[in-house]
Amino acid sequence: MTPEIKVKKYLENMNQEPLYFFSRHSTGPRVIERNFKGQSLESVVLEVIGLTQVFPSRYKNKDLVCGAGAWRSSGDIWKHVKVWRPRTSLMRVMRIIFEEQEHLRGQYCPGIKKRTFKLKINSNYMGNDYHMHRKSFEDEYGLTWWDWENIGLKKSAKKDEKVLPAKKLYSFGERMSIEYWDVVER
């Protein structure tokens, strides 16, 4: 079974309702409003991961999913991204997480068989070389960490080669500026 089919099968039984960030307010929790207009999907994903460190994750009905500061799974990150980019696929978010791993801390939770993430700058883990441990362990999708690298990429019709991202430009520390071409159609 391909990684894409495994993720699609997992999604069949997953609550796909978007997650929202709520702030504490004197009149009760309020949804955090953000304007990601003009930002790349990569910067939206990274900013969402950063926001998980400050705000709890809740469904629209205010049911709590995770408190502020908790490590978040790719599914939770995707559900947050869907608030601002509703047509974004889970596989695209997974691939972005893989591609942006130099900016992330990752861990594998054996109890729930999920990979979870934080931004490096918000992580209390020591050591600058820590990225993702237990890379060969299968996660909730039945995938290893390396399966995330090309998940969802189309194959070229002419050559049996995967089309990889063409170019990335970073200015990390300020608002991120990233150029990305997902698949080049010929």
N, C-alpha and C. Protein backbone atom coordinates (compact mmCIF):
# COMPACT_ATOMS: atom_id res chain seq x y z
N MET A 1 0.85 -1.18 0.00
CA MET A 1 0.00 0.00 0.00
C MET A 1 0.90 1.25 0.00
N THR A 2 0.58 2.21 -0.84
CA THR A 2 1.41 3.42 -0.93
C THR A 2 1.18 4.31 0.29
N PRO A 3 2.13 5.19 0.60
CA PRO A 3 1.92 6.13 1.71
C PRO A 3 0.65 6.97 1.54
N GLU A 4 0.36 7.38 0.31
CA GLU A 4 -0.83 8.19 0.06
C GLU A 4 -2.10 7.43 0.41
N ILE A 5 -2.18 6.16 0.04
CA ILE A 5 -3.36 5.34 0.35
C ILE A 5 -3.48 5.14 1.86
N LYS A 6 -2.34 4.93 2.54
CA LYS A 6 -2.38 4.77 4.00
C LYS A 6 -2.94 6.01 4.68
N VAL A 7 -2.52 7.20 4.23
CA VAL A 7 -3.03 8.44 4.83
C VAL A 7 -4.52 8.60 4.53
N LYS A 8 -4.93 8.31 3.31
CA LYS A 8 -6.35 8.43 2.95
C LYS A 8 -7.20 7.47 3.78
N LYS A 9 -6.72 6.25 4.02
CA LYS A 9 -7.45 5.31 4.86
C LYS A 9 -7.57 5.83 6.30
N TYR A 10 -6.48 6.42 6.79
CA TYR A 10 -6.51 6.99 8.15
C TYR A 10 -7.54 8.11 8.23
N LEU A 11 -7.60 8.94 7.19
CA LEU A 11 -8.53 10.08 7.19
C LEU A 11 -9.99 9.65 7.22
N GLU A 12 -10.28 8.45 6.74
CA GLU A 12 -11.66 7.95 6.73
C GLU A 12 -12.24 7.89 8.14
N ASN A 13 -11.40 7.64 9.14
CA ASN A 13 -11.86 7.50 10.52
C ASN A 13 -11.45 8.67 11.41
N MET A 14 -10.91 9.73 10.82
CA MET A 14 -10.41 10.87 11.59
C MET A 14 -11.43 12.00 11.58
N ASN A 15 -11.62 12.63 12.72
CA ASN A 15 -12.43 13.84 12.79
C ASN A 15 -11.65 14.92 12.03
N GLN A 16 -12.20 15.42 10.94
CA GLN A 16 -11.49 16.39 10.10
C GLN A 16 -11.96 17.82 10.33
N GLU A 17 -12.73 18.03 11.37
CA GLU A 17 -13.21 19.37 11.70
C GLU A 17 -12.01 20.28 12.03
N PRO A 18 -12.00 21.51 11.52
CA PRO A 18 -10.88 22.42 11.81
C PRO A 18 -10.73 22.69 13.31
N LEU A 19 -9.50 22.98 13.70
CA LEU A 19 -9.20 23.38 15.07
C LEU A 19 -8.92 24.87 15.09
N TYR A 20 -9.29 25.51 16.20
CA TYR A 20 -9.13 26.95 16.35
C TYR A 20 -8.26 27.24 17.57
N PHE A 21 -7.59 28.37 17.52
CA PHE A 21 -6.86 28.87 18.68
C PHE A 21 -7.80 29.82 19.42
N PHE A 22 -7.91 29.62 20.72
CA PHE A 22 -8.76 30.47 21.55
C PHE A 22 -7.89 31.20 22.57
N SER A 23 -8.21 32.45 22.78
CA SER A 23 -7.52 33.21 23.83
C SER A 23 -8.44 33.29 25.03
N ARG A 24 -7.86 33.57 26.17
CA ARG A 24 -8.67 33.79 27.37
C ARG A 24 -9.14 35.22 27.34
N HIS A 25 -10.39 35.40 27.62
CA HIS A 25 -10.98 36.72 27.58
C HIS A 25 -11.97 36.82 28.74
N SER A 26 -12.20 38.00 29.23
CA SER A 26 -13.08 38.17 30.39
C SER A 26 -14.49 37.65 30.11
N THR A 27 -14.91 37.66 28.86
CA THR A 27 -16.25 37.16 28.53
C THR A 27 -16.23 35.70 28.09
N GLY A 28 -15.10 35.04 28.21
CA GLY A 28 -14.97 33.64 27.80
C GLY A 28 -13.97 33.50 26.66
N PRO A 29 -13.68 32.26 26.28
CA PRO A 29 -12.70 32.04 25.22
C PRO A 29 -13.14 32.69 23.90
N ARG A 30 -12.19 33.28 23.21
CA ARG A 30 -12.44 33.88 21.90
C ARG A 30 -11.48 33.32 20.87
N VAL A 31 -11.98 33.12 19.66
CA VAL A 31 -11.15 32.62 18.57
C VAL A 31 -10.10 33.67 18.20
N ILE A 32 -8.86 33.22 18.04
CA ILE A 32 -7.78 34.10 17.61
C ILE A 32 -7.92 34.32 16.11
N GLU A 33 -7.94 35.56 15.71
CA GLU A 33 -8.02 35.91 14.28
C GLU A 33 -6.61 36.21 13.78
N ARG A 34 -6.24 35.63 12.67
CA ARG A 34 -4.95 35.88 12.04
C ARG A 34 -5.18 36.18 10.57
N ASN A 35 -4.32 36.98 10.00
CA ASN A 35 -4.40 37.28 8.57
C ASN A 35 -3.14 36.72 7.91
N PHE A 36 -3.30 35.62 7.19
CA PHE A 36 -2.18 34.99 6.50
C PHE A 36 -2.19 35.33 5.01
N LYS A 37 -2.94 36.33 4.63
CA LYS A 37 -3.04 36.70 3.22
C LYS A 37 -1.65 37.04 2.67
N GLY A 38 -1.34 36.46 1.54
CA GLY A 38 -0.05 36.72 0.90
C GLY A 38 1.10 35.87 1.43
N GLN A 39 0.88 35.09 2.49
CA GLN A 39 1.94 34.25 3.04
C GLN A 39 1.92 32.89 2.37
N SER A 40 3.09 32.30 2.21
CA SER A 40 3.18 30.96 1.65
C SER A 40 2.59 29.95 2.63
N LEU A 41 2.21 28.81 2.09
CA LEU A 41 1.68 27.75 2.94
C LEU A 41 2.72 27.29 3.95
N GLU A 42 3.98 27.26 3.55
CA GLU A 42 5.05 26.86 4.47
C GLU A 42 5.11 27.78 5.68
N SER A 43 5.00 29.08 5.45
CA SER A 43 5.06 30.01 6.58
C SER A 43 3.81 29.91 7.43
N VAL A 44 2.67 29.61 6.83
CA VAL A 44 1.44 29.41 7.61
C VAL A 44 1.59 28.19 8.52
N VAL A 45 2.11 27.09 7.98
CA VAL A 45 2.30 25.88 8.78
C VAL A 45 3.24 26.16 9.95
N LEU A 46 4.37 26.81 9.69
CA LEU A 46 5.31 27.10 10.78
C LEU A 46 4.73 28.06 11.80
N GLU A 47 3.98 29.04 11.36
CA GLU A 47 3.37 29.96 12.31
C GLU A 47 2.31 29.26 13.15
N VAL A 48 1.54 28.37 12.54
CA VAL A 48 0.55 27.58 13.29
C VAL A 48 1.26 26.76 14.37
N ILE A 49 2.37 26.12 14.03
CA ILE A 49 3.11 25.34 15.04
C ILE A 49 3.57 26.26 16.16
N GLY A 50 4.00 27.46 15.84
CA GLY A 50 4.39 28.43 16.87
C GLY A 50 3.21 28.84 17.74
N LEU A 51 2.05 29.05 17.14
CA LEU A 51 0.86 29.45 17.90
C LEU A 51 0.39 28.36 18.87
N THR A 52 0.69 27.09 18.54
CA THR A 52 0.28 26.00 19.44
C THR A 52 0.99 26.09 20.79
N GLN A 53 2.10 26.80 20.82
CA GLN A 53 2.83 26.94 22.08
C GLN A 53 2.23 28.00 22.99
N VAL A 54 1.39 28.85 22.42
CA VAL A 54 0.83 29.97 23.16
C VAL A 54 -0.66 29.79 23.47
N PHE A 55 -1.37 29.14 22.56
CA PHE A 55 -2.82 29.03 22.69
C PHE A 55 -3.27 27.57 22.69
N PRO A 56 -4.35 27.27 23.42
CA PRO A 56 -4.91 25.93 23.37
C PRO A 56 -5.62 25.69 22.03
N SER A 57 -5.77 24.43 21.66
CA SER A 57 -6.47 24.03 20.45
C SER A 57 -7.87 23.54 20.83
N ARG A 58 -8.86 24.11 20.16
CA ARG A 58 -10.25 23.73 20.44
C ARG A 58 -11.02 23.61 19.13
N TYR A 59 -12.07 22.79 19.20
CA TYR A 59 -13.02 22.78 18.09
C TYR A 59 -13.91 24.00 18.21
N LYS A 60 -14.64 24.30 17.17
CA LYS A 60 -15.49 25.50 17.13
C LYS A 60 -16.46 25.54 18.32
N ASN A 61 -16.92 24.37 18.76
CA ASN A 61 -17.84 24.32 19.91
C ASN A 61 -17.12 24.51 21.25
N LYS A 62 -15.83 24.81 21.19
CA LYS A 62 -14.96 25.12 22.33
C LYS A 62 -14.46 23.89 23.09
N ASP A 63 -14.74 22.67 22.58
CA ASP A 63 -14.18 21.47 23.20
C ASP A 63 -12.66 21.50 23.09
N LEU A 64 -11.97 21.31 24.20
CA LEU A 64 -10.51 21.35 24.24
C LEU A 64 -9.92 20.09 23.64
N VAL A 65 -8.92 20.26 22.77
CA VAL A 65 -8.18 19.14 22.19
C VAL A 65 -6.81 19.04 22.85
N CYS A 66 -6.09 20.17 22.91
CA CYS A 66 -4.76 20.23 23.54
C CYS A 66 -4.60 21.58 24.20
N GLY A 67 -3.95 21.59 25.34
CA GLY A 67 -3.64 22.84 26.01
C GLY A 67 -2.48 23.55 25.34
N ALA A 68 -2.28 24.80 25.69
CA ALA A 68 -1.16 25.58 25.17
C ALA A 68 0.16 24.91 25.56
N GLY A 69 1.11 24.90 24.64
CA GLY A 69 2.43 24.35 24.93
C GLY A 69 2.58 22.87 24.64
N ALA A 70 1.51 22.18 24.31
CA ALA A 70 1.60 20.75 24.03
C ALA A 70 2.23 20.51 22.66
N TRP A 71 2.93 19.39 22.53
CA TRP A 71 3.43 18.97 21.22
C TRP A 71 2.22 18.63 20.37
N ARG A 72 2.26 18.99 19.07
CA ARG A 72 1.09 18.76 18.21
C ARG A 72 1.42 17.81 17.07
N SER A 73 0.48 16.94 16.76
CA SER A 73 0.62 15.98 15.67
C SER A 73 0.38 16.67 14.33
N SER A 74 0.77 16.01 13.26
CA SER A 74 0.53 16.55 11.92
C SER A 74 -0.96 16.74 11.68
N GLY A 75 -1.78 15.85 12.21
CA GLY A 75 -3.23 15.98 12.06
C GLY A 75 -3.77 17.24 12.72
N ASP A 76 -3.30 17.52 13.94
CA ASP A 76 -3.73 18.75 14.63
C ASP A 76 -3.23 19.99 13.90
N ILE A 77 -1.99 19.96 13.43
CA ILE A 77 -1.45 21.11 12.70
C ILE A 77 -2.28 21.34 11.44
N TRP A 78 -2.58 20.28 10.71
CA TRP A 78 -3.39 20.38 9.50
C TRP A 78 -4.78 20.95 9.79
N LYS A 79 -5.39 20.49 10.88
CA LYS A 79 -6.73 21.00 11.23
C LYS A 79 -6.70 22.50 11.53
N HIS A 80 -5.61 22.99 12.10
CA HIS A 80 -5.46 24.43 12.31
C HIS A 80 -5.24 25.16 10.99
N VAL A 81 -4.40 24.61 10.14
CA VAL A 81 -4.12 25.24 8.84
C VAL A 81 -5.41 25.37 8.03
N LYS A 82 -6.30 24.38 8.14
CA LYS A 82 -7.55 24.38 7.37
C LYS A 82 -8.44 25.59 7.68
N VAL A 83 -8.27 26.20 8.84
CA VAL A 83 -9.06 27.40 9.17
C VAL A 83 -8.77 28.49 8.16
N TRP A 84 -7.49 28.64 7.77
CA TRP A 84 -7.07 29.71 6.86
C TRP A 84 -6.88 29.24 5.43
N ARG A 85 -6.56 27.97 5.26
CA ARG A 85 -6.34 27.40 3.93
C ARG A 85 -7.15 26.10 3.83
N PRO A 86 -8.47 26.21 3.67
CA PRO A 86 -9.34 25.03 3.74
C PRO A 86 -9.08 23.94 2.70
N ARG A 87 -8.48 24.26 1.59
CA ARG A 87 -8.23 23.24 0.55
C ARG A 87 -6.89 22.54 0.71
N THR A 88 -6.16 22.84 1.75
CA THR A 88 -4.85 22.22 1.98
C THR A 88 -5.02 20.77 2.42
N SER A 89 -4.25 19.89 1.81
CA SER A 89 -4.34 18.47 2.17
C SER A 89 -3.43 18.15 3.36
N LEU A 90 -3.80 17.10 4.07
CA LEU A 90 -2.96 16.62 5.17
C LEU A 90 -1.59 16.21 4.64
N MET A 91 -1.55 15.56 3.47
CA MET A 91 -0.26 15.12 2.93
C MET A 91 0.65 16.30 2.61
N ARG A 92 0.09 17.39 2.16
CA ARG A 92 0.91 18.59 1.88
C ARG A 92 1.51 19.13 3.19
N VAL A 93 0.71 19.16 4.25
CA VAL A 93 1.21 19.62 5.55
C VAL A 93 2.30 18.67 6.06
N MET A 94 2.10 17.38 5.89
CA MET A 94 3.12 16.42 6.32
C MET A 94 4.43 16.64 5.57
N ARG A 95 4.35 16.87 4.27
CA ARG A 95 5.55 17.09 3.47
C ARG A 95 6.24 18.39 3.88
N ILE A 96 5.46 19.42 4.16
CA ILE A 96 6.05 20.69 4.62
C ILE A 96 6.76 20.49 5.95
N ILE A 97 6.14 19.75 6.86
CA ILE A 97 6.79 19.46 8.15
C ILE A 97 8.13 18.76 7.91
N PHE A 98 8.14 17.79 7.00
CA PHE A 98 9.39 17.09 6.69
C PHE A 98 10.42 18.07 6.13
N GLU A 99 9.99 18.90 5.18
CA GLU A 99 10.92 19.84 4.53
C GLU A 99 11.43 20.91 5.48
N GLU A 100 10.63 21.28 6.46
CA GLU A 100 10.99 22.35 7.38
C GLU A 100 11.57 21.81 8.69
N GLN A 101 11.99 20.55 8.71
CA GLN A 101 12.44 19.93 9.95
C GLN A 101 13.61 20.65 10.61
N GLU A 102 14.39 21.40 9.84
CA GLU A 102 15.51 22.13 10.46
C GLU A 102 15.00 23.21 11.42
N HIS A 103 13.76 23.61 11.29
CA HIS A 103 13.17 24.62 12.17
C HIS A 103 12.31 24.01 13.28
N LEU A 104 12.26 22.66 13.31
CA LEU A 104 11.34 21.97 14.22
C LEU A 104 12.05 21.04 15.17
N ARG A 105 11.39 20.74 16.25
CA ARG A 105 11.73 19.64 17.14
C ARG A 105 10.63 18.61 16.94
N GLY A 106 11.01 17.36 16.91
CA GLY A 106 10.02 16.31 16.74
C GLY A 106 10.24 15.20 17.74
N GLN A 107 9.17 14.55 18.09
CA GLN A 107 9.29 13.38 18.95
C GLN A 107 8.24 12.37 18.52
N TYR A 108 8.50 11.14 18.87
CA TYR A 108 7.57 10.06 18.57
C TYR A 108 6.95 9.62 19.89
N CYS A 109 5.63 9.65 19.98
CA CYS A 109 4.93 9.22 21.18
C CYS A 109 4.48 7.78 21.00
N PRO A 110 5.12 6.81 21.64
CA PRO A 110 4.77 5.41 21.42
C PRO A 110 3.36 5.05 21.90
N GLY A 111 2.86 5.75 22.92
CA GLY A 111 1.52 5.44 23.43
C GLY A 111 0.42 5.69 22.42
N ILE A 112 0.59 6.72 21.59
CA ILE A 112 -0.43 7.07 20.60
C ILE A 112 0.07 6.84 19.17
N LYS A 113 1.33 6.39 19.02
CA LYS A 113 1.95 6.14 17.72
C LYS A 113 1.85 7.35 16.81
N LYS A 114 2.20 8.52 17.33
CA LYS A 114 2.17 9.73 16.54
C LYS A 114 3.49 10.48 16.66
N ARG A 115 3.85 11.17 15.59
CA ARG A 115 4.96 12.10 15.61
C ARG A 115 4.37 13.46 16.00
N THR A 116 5.03 14.14 16.91
CA THR A 116 4.52 15.44 17.36
C THR A 116 5.65 16.46 17.26
N PHE A 117 5.25 17.75 17.16
CA PHE A 117 6.21 18.79 16.79
C PHE A 117 6.04 20.06 17.59
N LYS A 118 7.16 20.81 17.67
CA LYS A 118 7.23 22.17 18.18
C LYS A 118 8.26 22.91 17.35
N LEU A 119 8.20 24.23 17.35
CA LEU A 119 9.28 25.00 16.74
C LEU A 119 10.52 24.86 17.61
N LYS A 120 11.69 24.85 17.01
CA LYS A 120 12.94 24.76 17.77
C LYS A 120 13.04 25.88 18.79
N ILE A 121 12.66 27.09 18.40
CA ILE A 121 12.81 28.23 19.29
C ILE A 121 11.90 28.15 20.51
N ASN A 122 10.84 27.34 20.44
CA ASN A 122 9.91 27.22 21.56
C ASN A 122 10.10 25.93 22.35
N SER A 123 11.06 25.13 21.97
CA SER A 123 11.24 23.84 22.61
C SER A 123 12.18 23.95 23.80
N ASN A 124 11.86 23.25 24.86
CA ASN A 124 12.71 23.21 26.05
C ASN A 124 13.73 22.09 25.98
N TYR A 125 13.69 21.28 24.92
CA TYR A 125 14.66 20.19 24.79
C TYR A 125 16.04 20.77 24.57
N MET A 126 17.04 20.14 25.13
CA MET A 126 18.41 20.62 24.99
C MET A 126 19.05 20.02 23.75
N GLY A 127 20.02 20.70 23.23
CA GLY A 127 20.77 20.20 22.09
C GLY A 127 20.23 20.72 20.78
N ASN A 128 21.09 21.29 19.98
CA ASN A 128 20.66 21.86 18.72
C ASN A 128 20.52 20.83 17.61
N ASP A 129 21.02 19.61 17.82
CA ASP A 129 20.98 18.62 16.75
C ASP A 129 19.77 17.70 16.85
N TYR A 130 18.89 17.93 17.79
CA TYR A 130 17.74 17.05 18.00
C TYR A 130 16.64 17.42 17.01
N HIS A 131 16.27 16.50 16.15
CA HIS A 131 15.20 16.75 15.19
C HIS A 131 14.05 15.78 15.42
N MET A 132 14.23 14.55 15.02
CA MET A 132 13.17 13.56 15.12
C MET A 132 13.81 12.24 15.51
N HIS A 133 13.39 11.69 16.62
CA HIS A 133 13.93 10.39 16.98
C HIS A 133 12.95 9.30 16.59
N ARG A 134 13.44 8.09 16.60
CA ARG A 134 12.64 6.92 16.22
C ARG A 134 12.07 7.07 14.80
N LYS A 135 12.92 7.44 13.88
CA LYS A 135 12.51 7.69 12.50
C LYS A 135 11.96 6.45 11.81
N SER A 136 12.42 5.27 12.22
CA SER A 136 11.97 4.05 11.56
C SER A 136 10.67 3.50 12.16
N PHE A 137 10.19 4.07 13.26
CA PHE A 137 8.95 3.61 13.86
C PHE A 137 7.77 4.05 13.00
N GLU A 138 6.76 3.20 12.90
CA GLU A 138 5.56 3.56 12.14
C GLU A 138 4.65 4.43 12.98
N ASP A 139 4.14 5.49 12.36
CA ASP A 139 3.26 6.44 13.04
C ASP A 139 1.79 6.05 12.86
N GLU A 140 0.90 6.97 13.18
CA GLU A 140 -0.54 6.70 13.10
C GLU A 140 -1.00 6.35 11.69
N TYR A 141 -0.24 6.73 10.68
CA TYR A 141 -0.59 6.44 9.29
C TYR A 141 0.04 5.13 8.81
N GLY A 142 0.91 4.53 9.64
CA GLY A 142 1.64 3.34 9.23
C GLY A 142 2.86 3.69 8.40
N LEU A 143 3.40 4.92 8.57
CA LEU A 143 4.53 5.41 7.79
C LEU A 143 5.75 5.63 8.68
N THR A 144 6.92 5.53 8.07
CA THR A 144 8.14 5.93 8.76
C THR A 144 8.36 7.41 8.47
N TRP A 145 9.28 8.02 9.18
CA TRP A 145 9.57 9.45 8.97
C TRP A 145 9.98 9.72 7.53
N TRP A 146 10.74 8.83 6.91
CA TRP A 146 11.23 9.07 5.55
C TRP A 146 10.11 9.01 4.52
N ASP A 147 9.01 8.33 4.83
CA ASP A 147 7.87 8.28 3.91
C ASP A 147 7.23 9.66 3.72
N TRP A 148 7.46 10.56 4.66
CA TRP A 148 6.85 11.89 4.58
C TRP A 148 7.51 12.77 3.51
N GLU A 149 8.73 12.47 3.13
CA GLU A 149 9.49 13.37 2.25
C GLU A 149 8.79 13.66 0.93
N ASN A 150 8.26 12.66 0.28
CA ASN A 150 7.66 12.85 -1.05
C ASN A 150 6.18 12.53 -1.08
N ILE A 151 5.55 12.47 0.07
CA ILE A 151 4.15 12.08 0.11
C ILE A 151 3.29 13.07 -0.68
N GLY A 152 2.46 12.52 -1.54
CA GLY A 152 1.53 13.34 -2.30
C GLY A 152 2.10 13.97 -3.55
N LEU A 153 3.40 13.81 -3.81
CA LEU A 153 3.98 14.38 -5.02
C LEU A 153 3.58 13.52 -6.21
N LYS A 154 3.27 14.16 -7.31
CA LYS A 154 2.91 13.44 -8.53
C LYS A 154 4.19 12.95 -9.20
N LYS A 155 4.04 11.89 -9.95
CA LYS A 155 5.18 11.39 -10.73
C LYS A 155 5.11 11.97 -12.12
N SER A 156 6.26 12.24 -12.68
CA SER A 156 6.35 12.76 -14.04
C SER A 156 5.91 11.68 -15.03
N ALA A 157 5.13 12.07 -16.03
CA ALA A 157 4.63 11.12 -17.02
C ALA A 157 5.74 10.66 -17.96
N LYS A 158 6.73 11.51 -18.23
CA LYS A 158 7.80 11.17 -19.18
C LYS A 158 8.84 10.25 -18.56
N LYS A 159 9.30 10.60 -17.38
CA LYS A 159 10.31 9.80 -16.69
C LYS A 159 9.67 9.38 -15.39
N ASP A 160 9.99 8.23 -14.93
CA ASP A 160 9.40 7.77 -13.68
C ASP A 160 10.14 8.40 -12.50
N GLU A 161 10.22 9.74 -12.49
CA GLU A 161 10.90 10.47 -11.44
C GLU A 161 9.92 11.36 -10.71
N LYS A 162 10.10 11.51 -9.44
CA LYS A 162 9.26 12.42 -8.67
C LYS A 162 9.75 13.84 -8.89
N VAL A 163 8.82 14.76 -8.98
CA VAL A 163 9.17 16.16 -9.15
C VAL A 163 9.27 16.76 -7.76
N LEU A 164 10.43 17.23 -7.40
CA LEU A 164 10.68 17.75 -6.06
C LEU A 164 10.56 19.26 -6.03
N PRO A 165 10.45 19.85 -4.85
CA PRO A 165 10.39 21.31 -4.74
C PRO A 165 11.57 21.95 -5.46
N ALA A 166 11.30 23.01 -6.20
CA ALA A 166 12.33 23.62 -7.02
C ALA A 166 13.23 24.57 -6.25
N LYS A 167 12.67 25.37 -5.36
CA LYS A 167 13.48 26.40 -4.73
C LYS A 167 12.82 26.86 -3.43
N LYS A 168 13.63 27.17 -2.46
CA LYS A 168 13.14 27.74 -1.22
C LYS A 168 14.02 28.92 -0.86
N LEU A 169 13.41 29.97 -0.43
CA LEU A 169 14.16 31.13 0.06
C LEU A 169 13.68 31.40 1.48
N TYR A 170 14.59 31.50 2.41
CA TYR A 170 14.22 31.72 3.80
C TYR A 170 14.72 33.07 4.29
N SER A 171 13.96 33.68 5.13
CA SER A 171 14.46 34.75 5.97
C SER A 171 13.86 34.48 7.34
N PHE A 172 14.44 33.51 8.04
CA PHE A 172 13.89 33.06 9.31
C PHE A 172 14.22 34.06 10.40
N GLY A 173 13.30 34.29 11.28
CA GLY A 173 13.49 35.25 12.35
C GLY A 173 12.56 36.44 12.13
N GLU A 174 12.34 36.81 10.90
CA GLU A 174 11.32 37.80 10.56
C GLU A 174 10.13 37.00 10.04
N ARG A 175 9.18 37.64 9.43
CA ARG A 175 8.12 36.91 8.77
C ARG A 175 8.76 36.13 7.64
N MET A 176 8.46 34.86 7.51
CA MET A 176 9.17 34.02 6.55
C MET A 176 8.77 34.34 5.13
N SER A 177 9.72 34.25 4.27
CA SER A 177 9.48 34.42 2.84
C SER A 177 9.96 33.15 2.17
N ILE A 178 9.04 32.38 1.62
CA ILE A 178 9.39 31.10 1.04
C ILE A 178 8.72 30.99 -0.34
N GLU A 179 9.51 30.66 -1.35
CA GLU A 179 8.95 30.38 -2.66
C GLU A 179 8.94 28.88 -2.83
N TYR A 180 7.89 28.35 -3.44
CA TYR A 180 7.76 26.92 -3.55
C TYR A 180 6.96 26.56 -4.79
N TRP A 181 7.48 25.63 -5.55
CA TRP A 181 6.72 25.06 -6.66
C TRP A 181 6.54 23.60 -6.33
N ASP A 182 5.30 23.19 -6.12
CA ASP A 182 5.01 21.85 -5.68
C ASP A 182 5.29 20.84 -6.79
N VAL A 183 4.60 20.96 -7.90
CA VAL A 183 4.78 20.04 -9.01
C VAL A 183 4.84 20.85 -10.28
N VAL A 184 5.82 20.58 -11.09
CA VAL A 184 5.96 21.30 -12.37
C VAL A 184 5.23 20.50 -13.43
N GLU A 185 4.18 21.08 -13.97
CA GLU A 185 3.43 20.43 -15.04
C GLU A 185 4.10 20.76 -16.37
N ARG A 186 4.30 19.79 -17.21
CA ARG A 186 4.93 20.02 -18.51
C ARG A 186 3.92 19.85 -19.62
